């Protein structure tokens, strides 16, 4: 699971175990959704050509989308990783050197 700043370490451990259980049972879409912070907004779907799309917007406004993924779980994770990268980039740019 992704670390959540300010979150209780015990709750983070429970989240990691839950995500591992979902993935181990083959529930990849549920595991992908479980990785998205509760404060984030997301949307996802399947296009007519059997390609999957997703968009994730984090609480701070950082967001990203994915398209042409081969599974819903990969579309969600790709969008989440891109949103987190945008958040990290924005944080680094705004920090004084």
C-alpha atoms as a PDB file:
ATOM      1  CA  UNK A   1       0.000   0.000   0.000  1.00  0.00           C
ATOM      2  CA  UNK A   2       1.041   3.531  -0.493  1.00  0.00           C
ATOM      3  CA  UNK A   3       2.102   5.486   2.589  1.00  0.00           C
ATOM      4  CA  UNK A   4      -0.448   8.067   3.631  1.00  0.00           C
ATOM      5  CA  UNK A   5       1.057  11.044   5.432  1.00  0.00           C
ATOM      6  CA  UNK A   6      -0.426  11.455   8.882  1.00  0.00           C
ATOM      7  CA  UNK A   7      -2.055   8.018   8.809  1.00  0.00           C
ATOM      8  CA  UNK A   8      -1.800   5.697  11.771  1.00  0.00           C
ATOM      9  CA  UNK A   9       0.977   3.118  11.099  1.00  0.00           C
ATOM     10  CA  UNK A  10      -1.287   0.311  12.344  1.00  0.00           C
ATOM     11  CA  UNK A  11      -3.961   1.341   9.835  1.00  0.00           C
ATOM     12  CA  UNK A  12      -1.354   1.439   7.072  1.00  0.00           C
ATOM     13  CA  UNK A  13      -0.377  -2.138   7.957  1.00  0.00           C
ATOM     14  CA  UNK A  14      -4.015  -3.245   7.835  1.00  0.00           C
ATOM     15  CA  UNK A  15      -4.361  -1.578   4.416  1.00  0.00           C
ATOM     16  CA  UNK A  16      -1.257  -3.398   3.150  1.00  0.00           C
ATOM     17  CA  UNK A  17      -2.618  -6.742   4.362  1.00  0.00           C
ATOM     18  CA  UNK A  18      -6.037  -6.083   2.802  1.00  0.00           C
ATOM     19  CA  UNK A  19      -4.511  -5.170  -0.566  1.00  0.00           C
ATOM     20  CA  UNK A  20      -2.271  -8.272  -0.471  1.00  0.00           C
ATOM     21  CA  UNK A  21      -5.294 -10.465   0.322  1.00  0.00           C
ATOM     22  CA  UNK A  22      -7.265  -8.982  -2.576  1.00  0.00           C
ATOM     23  CA  UNK A  23      -4.388  -9.445  -5.004  1.00  0.00           C
ATOM     24  CA  UNK A  24      -3.700 -12.998  -3.793  1.00  0.00           C
ATOM     25  CA  UNK A  25      -7.351 -13.913  -4.358  1.00  0.00           C
ATOM     26  CA  UNK A  26      -7.301 -12.574  -7.917  1.00  0.00           C
ATOM     27  CA  UNK A  27      -9.385  -9.470  -7.170  1.00  0.00           C
ATOM     28  CA  UNK A  28      -7.010  -7.154  -8.996  1.00  0.00           C
ATOM     29  CA  UNK A  29      -9.576  -4.418  -9.670  1.00  0.00           C
ATOM     30  CA  UNK A  30     -10.525  -4.317  -5.985  1.00  0.00           C
ATOM     31  CA  UNK A  31      -6.854  -4.247  -4.987  1.00  0.00           C
ATOM     32  CA  UNK A  32      -6.204  -1.367  -7.406  1.00  0.00           C
ATOM     33  CA  UNK A  33      -9.141   0.612  -6.010  1.00  0.00           C
ATOM     34  CA  UNK A  34      -7.946  -0.111  -2.445  1.00  0.00           C
ATOM     35  CA  UNK A  35      -4.624   1.577  -3.273  1.00  0.00           C
ATOM     36  CA  UNK A  36      -6.296   4.846  -4.246  1.00  0.00           C
ATOM     37  CA  UNK A  37      -6.439   7.226  -1.259  1.00  0.00           C
ATOM     38  CA  UNK A  38      -9.952   7.732   0.116  1.00  0.00           C
ATOM     39  CA  UNK A  39      -9.610  11.470  -0.439  1.00  0.00           C
ATOM     40  CA  UNK A  40      -8.968  11.012  -4.181  1.00  0.00           C
ATOM     41  CA  UNK A  41     -11.561  11.200  -6.926  1.00  0.00           C
ATOM     42  CA  UNK A  42     -11.394   8.567  -9.645  1.00  0.00           C
ATOM     43  CA  UNK A  43     -13.310   7.349 -12.646  1.00  0.00           C
ATOM     44  CA  UNK A  44     -12.728   4.412 -14.946  1.00  0.00           C
ATOM     45  CA  UNK A  45     -14.309   2.489 -17.769  1.00  0.00           C
ATOM     46  CA  UNK A  46     -13.997   0.244 -20.788  1.00  0.00           C
ATOM     47  CA  UNK A  47     -14.091   1.569 -24.329  1.00  0.00           C
ATOM     48  CA  UNK A  48     -15.716  -0.174 -27.288  1.00  0.00           C
ATOM     49  CA  UNK A  49     -12.359  -1.524 -28.476  1.00  0.00           C
ATOM     50  CA  UNK A  50     -11.849  -3.402 -25.177  1.00  0.00           C
ATOM     51  CA  UNK A  51      -9.354  -0.836 -23.961  1.00  0.00           C
ATOM     52  CA  UNK A  52      -9.615   0.484 -20.410  1.00  0.00           C
ATOM     53  CA  UNK A  53      -9.298   4.092 -19.242  1.00  0.00           C
ATOM     54  CA  UNK A  54      -9.023   5.718 -15.814  1.00  0.00           C
ATOM     55  CA  UNK A  55      -8.497   9.106 -14.235  1.00  0.00           C
ATOM     56  CA  UNK A  56      -7.351   9.859 -10.670  1.00  0.00           C
ATOM     57  CA  UNK A  57      -7.374  13.269  -8.996  1.00  0.00           C
ATOM     58  CA  UNK A  58      -5.620  13.520  -5.626  1.00  0.00           C
ATOM     59  CA  UNK A  59      -6.768  15.763  -2.783  1.00  0.00           C
ATOM     60  CA  UNK A  60      -4.159  18.426  -3.577  1.00  0.00           C
ATOM     61  CA  UNK A  61      -5.466  18.717  -7.142  1.00  0.00           C
ATOM     62  CA  UNK A  62      -2.738  16.645  -8.795  1.00  0.00           C
ATOM     63  CA  UNK A  63      -4.296  14.352 -11.335  1.00  0.00           C
ATOM     64  CA  UNK A  64      -3.627  12.137 -14.306  1.00  0.00           C
ATOM     65  CA  UNK A  65      -5.295   9.704 -16.631  1.00  0.00           C
ATOM     66  CA  UNK A  66      -4.435   6.517 -18.441  1.00  0.00           C
ATOM     67  CA  UNK A  67      -5.805   5.112 -21.648  1.00  0.00           C
ATOM     68  CA  UNK A  68      -5.422   2.025 -23.819  1.00  0.00           C
ATOM     69  CA  UNK A  69      -4.742  -0.259 -20.852  1.00  0.00           C
ATOM     70  CA  UNK A  70      -5.430  -3.967 -21.258  1.00  0.00           C
ATOM     71  CA  UNK A  71      -7.213  -4.286 -17.888  1.00  0.00           C
ATOM     72  CA  UNK A  72      -9.180  -2.056 -15.564  1.00  0.00           C
ATOM     73  CA  UNK A  73      -6.729  -2.628 -12.713  1.00  0.00           C
ATOM     74  CA  UNK A  74      -3.785  -1.539 -14.870  1.00  0.00           C
ATOM     75  CA  UNK A  75      -5.655   1.581 -16.019  1.00  0.00           C
ATOM     76  CA  UNK A  76      -6.368   2.545 -12.402  1.00  0.00           C
ATOM     77  CA  UNK A  77      -2.806   1.897 -11.238  1.00  0.00           C
ATOM     78  CA  UNK A  78      -1.288   3.761 -14.186  1.00  0.00           C
ATOM     79  CA  UNK A  79      -3.470   6.802 -13.512  1.00  0.00           C
ATOM     80  CA  UNK A  80      -2.655   6.664  -9.789  1.00  0.00           C
ATOM     81  CA  UNK A  81       1.089   6.392 -10.399  1.00  0.00           C
ATOM     82  CA  UNK A  82       0.980   9.310 -12.834  1.00  0.00           C
ATOM     83  CA  UNK A  83      -1.035  11.437 -10.383  1.00  0.00           C
ATOM     84  CA  UNK A  84       1.444  10.653  -7.586  1.00  0.00           C
ATOM     85  CA  UNK A  85       4.345  11.534  -9.899  1.00  0.00           C
ATOM     86  CA  UNK A  86       2.654  14.856 -10.741  1.00  0.00           C
ATOM     87  CA  UNK A  87       2.154  15.499  -7.018  1.00  0.00           C
ATOM     88  CA  UNK A  88       5.813  14.720  -6.280  1.00  0.00           C
ATOM     89  CA  UNK A  89       6.999  16.941  -9.116  1.00  0.00           C
ATOM     90  CA  UNK A  90       4.805  19.835  -7.937  1.00  0.00           C
ATOM     91  CA  UNK A  91       6.063  19.377  -4.369  1.00  0.00           C
ATOM     92  CA  UNK A  92       9.709  19.419  -5.456  1.00  0.00           C
ATOM     93  CA  UNK A  93       9.216  22.502  -7.617  1.00  0.00           C
ATOM     94  CA  UNK A  94       7.531  24.438  -4.802  1.00  0.00           C
ATOM     95  CA  UNK A  95      10.152  23.570  -2.151  1.00  0.00           C
ATOM     96  CA  UNK A  96      12.834  26.196  -1.569  1.00  0.00           C
ATOM     97  CA  UNK A  97      16.352  25.119  -2.455  1.00  0.00           C
END
